[in-house]
Amino acid sequence: MKRATLALIAFTLFVGVSAHAEITSVGVLGFQAWKNERIEAAKADLEKAQAEAPQAKDVRKAPQKLSRGDQKLQQAQLNLEIVQELTVNDYFVLYLNQFKDRSAFLEAARKLNSDEAADLMIAYQKHLSKDVDSDSLPTLGAAMNPTSSKTAKSRN
């Protein structure tokens, strides 16, 4: 299922980005809009945690036991740092995963810039290369070169 979904995204990136077909909007956020929403939510959580723990010092530097308020503040700081580093692959896995129809993926693909599309294709390629079992590599080579299949069989 994951492979089929990733294949659909890759196909959409190749074909859908340049297609000019009319699509009804399904309300899919683009990568930057999604990431900005996550950052704004994390900033709001951090401000709330700071308000709840006004006496807190820089909790990242205090290794001793932290109060519950300080723990929340530390977690909010960490969450903000994490969401600021979100990638287009995270966008696909965490956000686009909720959509199931083709029009949503087409809309998302149209909202990706070329760098984001390239990053997504690279992540897809890495995912595919992890799926290739190292034991199957000689078989792949034998399929590409019929004369080597006799050699591979004679070794076994």
Protein backbone atom coordinates (compact mmCIF):
# COMPACT_ATOMS: atom_id res chain seq x y z
CA MET A 1 0.00 0.00 0.00
CA LYS A 2 2.83 2.40 0.88
CA ARG A 3 4.60 1.57 -2.34
CA ALA A 4 1.45 2.22 -4.38
CA THR A 5 0.90 5.55 -2.63
CA LEU A 6 4.51 6.59 -3.14
CA ALA A 7 4.32 5.54 -6.77
CA LEU A 8 1.20 7.66 -7.17
CA ILE A 9 3.02 10.66 -5.70
CA ALA A 10 6.02 10.17 -7.96
CA PHE A 11 3.75 9.86 -10.99
CA THR A 12 1.84 12.93 -9.89
CA LEU A 13 5.07 14.89 -9.59
CA PHE A 14 6.16 13.94 -13.07
CA VAL A 15 2.81 14.41 -14.78
CA GLY A 16 0.64 16.47 -12.44
CA VAL A 17 2.93 19.44 -11.92
CA SER A 18 2.88 20.38 -15.58
CA ALA A 19 -0.72 19.36 -16.25
CA HIS A 20 -3.19 22.20 -16.75
CA ALA A 21 -6.38 20.24 -16.18
CA GLU A 22 -9.06 21.94 -14.09
CA ILE A 23 -9.32 20.39 -10.62
CA THR A 24 -11.80 21.18 -7.95
CA SER A 25 -10.02 22.29 -4.82
CA VAL A 26 -10.07 19.78 -1.97
CA GLY A 27 -8.37 22.12 0.49
CA VAL A 28 -4.90 20.60 0.55
CA LEU A 29 -2.25 22.83 2.09
CA GLY A 30 1.02 23.26 0.26
CA PHE A 31 4.22 22.24 2.01
CA GLN A 32 5.19 25.74 3.15
CA ALA A 33 1.67 26.56 4.37
CA TRP A 34 1.53 23.26 6.30
CA LYS A 35 4.97 23.83 7.81
CA ASN A 36 4.11 27.43 8.74
CA GLU A 37 0.94 26.22 10.49
CA ARG A 38 2.98 23.72 12.48
CA ILE A 39 5.53 26.41 13.42
CA GLU A 40 2.83 28.86 14.50
CA ALA A 41 1.15 26.18 16.62
CA ALA A 42 4.49 25.30 18.25
CA LYS A 43 5.20 28.98 18.94
CA ALA A 44 1.77 29.36 20.56
CA ASP A 45 2.43 26.29 22.72
CA LEU A 46 5.81 27.71 23.73
CA GLU A 47 4.29 31.06 24.67
CA LYS A 48 1.64 29.26 26.73
CA ALA A 49 4.30 27.18 28.50
CA GLN A 50 6.36 30.32 29.18
CA ALA A 51 3.33 32.04 30.67
CA GLU A 52 2.64 29.03 32.91
CA ALA A 53 6.25 28.88 34.11
CA PRO A 54 7.36 32.54 34.34
CA GLN A 55 10.05 31.83 36.93
CA ALA A 56 11.69 29.23 34.68
CA LYS A 57 15.24 29.82 33.58
CA ASP A 58 16.71 28.39 30.40
CA VAL A 59 15.60 24.80 30.96
CA ARG A 60 17.97 23.42 28.35
CA LYS A 61 20.92 24.27 30.60
CA ALA A 62 19.50 22.91 33.86
CA PRO A 63 20.18 19.16 34.10
CA GLN A 64 18.76 18.85 37.66
CA LYS A 65 15.17 17.82 38.37
CA LEU A 66 12.70 20.06 36.57
CA SER A 67 9.25 21.07 37.77
CA ARG A 68 6.22 20.09 35.71
CA GLY A 69 6.02 23.62 34.29
CA ASP A 70 9.69 23.55 33.35
CA GLN A 71 9.24 20.15 31.71
CA LYS A 72 6.37 21.55 29.62
CA LEU A 73 8.50 24.53 28.68
CA GLN A 74 11.42 22.29 27.70
CA GLN A 75 9.10 20.10 25.61
CA ALA A 76 7.59 23.16 23.90
CA GLN A 77 11.09 24.45 23.04
CA LEU A 78 12.05 21.07 21.63
CA ASN A 79 8.82 20.84 19.62
CA LEU A 80 9.48 24.24 18.04
CA GLU A 81 12.99 23.19 17.07
CA ILE A 82 11.63 20.00 15.50
CA VAL A 83 8.88 21.65 13.45
CA GLN A 84 11.31 24.23 12.13
CA GLU A 85 13.23 21.32 10.58
CA LEU A 86 10.24 19.62 8.89
CA THR A 87 10.92 18.44 5.35
CA VAL A 88 8.78 17.76 2.31
CA ASN A 89 9.10 14.06 3.14
CA ASP A 90 7.56 14.77 6.56
CA TYR A 91 4.80 16.66 4.76
CA PHE A 92 4.05 13.60 2.70
CA VAL A 93 4.20 11.11 5.57
CA LEU A 94 2.52 13.19 8.27
CA TYR A 95 0.05 15.34 6.34
CA LEU A 96 -0.71 14.00 2.86
CA ASN A 97 -1.20 10.51 4.25
CA GLN A 98 -4.72 11.51 5.32
CA PHE A 99 -5.84 12.11 1.73
CA LYS A 100 -6.91 9.19 -0.40
CA ASP A 101 -8.20 10.64 -3.67
CA ARG A 102 -6.17 11.54 -6.72
CA SER A 103 -7.38 15.14 -6.86
CA ALA A 104 -5.85 15.85 -3.45
CA PHE A 105 -2.46 14.59 -4.61
CA LEU A 106 -2.71 16.59 -7.82
CA GLU A 107 -3.46 19.72 -5.82
CA ALA A 108 -0.55 19.02 -3.46
CA ALA A 109 1.80 18.39 -6.39
CA ARG A 110 0.84 21.70 -7.98
CA LYS A 111 1.71 23.49 -4.77
CA LEU A 112 5.23 22.02 -4.56
CA ASN A 113 8.07 24.07 -5.99
CA SER A 114 10.74 22.28 -8.00
CA ASP A 115 13.13 21.92 -5.03
CA GLU A 116 10.40 20.38 -2.89
CA ALA A 117 9.40 18.01 -5.70
CA ALA A 118 13.04 16.97 -6.13
CA ASP A 119 13.41 16.37 -2.38
CA LEU A 120 10.29 14.20 -2.40
CA MET A 121 11.59 12.17 -5.36
CA ILE A 122 14.93 11.67 -3.61
CA ALA A 123 13.14 10.42 -0.48
CA TYR A 124 11.07 8.08 -2.64
CA GLN A 125 14.19 6.79 -4.37
CA LYS A 126 15.88 6.14 -1.01
CA HIS A 127 12.76 4.32 0.19
CA LEU A 128 12.80 2.10 -2.89
CA SER A 129 16.48 1.32 -2.53
CA LYS A 130 15.87 0.15 1.05
CA ASP A 131 13.23 -2.28 -0.25
CA VAL A 132 15.72 -3.97 -2.55
CA ASP A 133 17.04 -7.05 -0.77
CA SER A 134 20.78 -7.50 -1.19
CA ASP A 135 20.21 -11.21 -1.91
CA SER A 136 18.12 -10.34 -4.96
CA LEU A 137 20.81 -8.22 -6.60
CA PRO A 138 22.49 -11.13 -8.46
CA THR A 139 19.07 -12.15 -9.75
CA LEU A 140 18.48 -8.64 -11.04
CA GLY A 141 21.85 -8.67 -12.75
CA ALA A 142 21.12 -12.07 -14.28
CA ALA A 143 17.82 -10.81 -15.63
CA MET A 144 19.60 -7.91 -17.30
CA ASN A 145 22.32 -10.12 -18.81
CA PRO A 146 21.08 -13.57 -19.93
CA THR A 147 24.61 -15.00 -20.22
CA SER A 148 25.39 -14.25 -16.59
CA SER A 149 22.44 -16.36 -15.37
CA LYS A 150 24.29 -19.53 -16.36
CA THR A 151 27.31 -18.36 -14.37
CA ALA A 152 25.18 -17.53 -11.34
CA LYS A 153 23.50 -20.96 -11.46
CA SER A 154 26.82 -22.77 -11.76
CA ARG A 155 28.09 -20.99 -8.60
CA ASN A 156 25.13 -22.22 -6.51
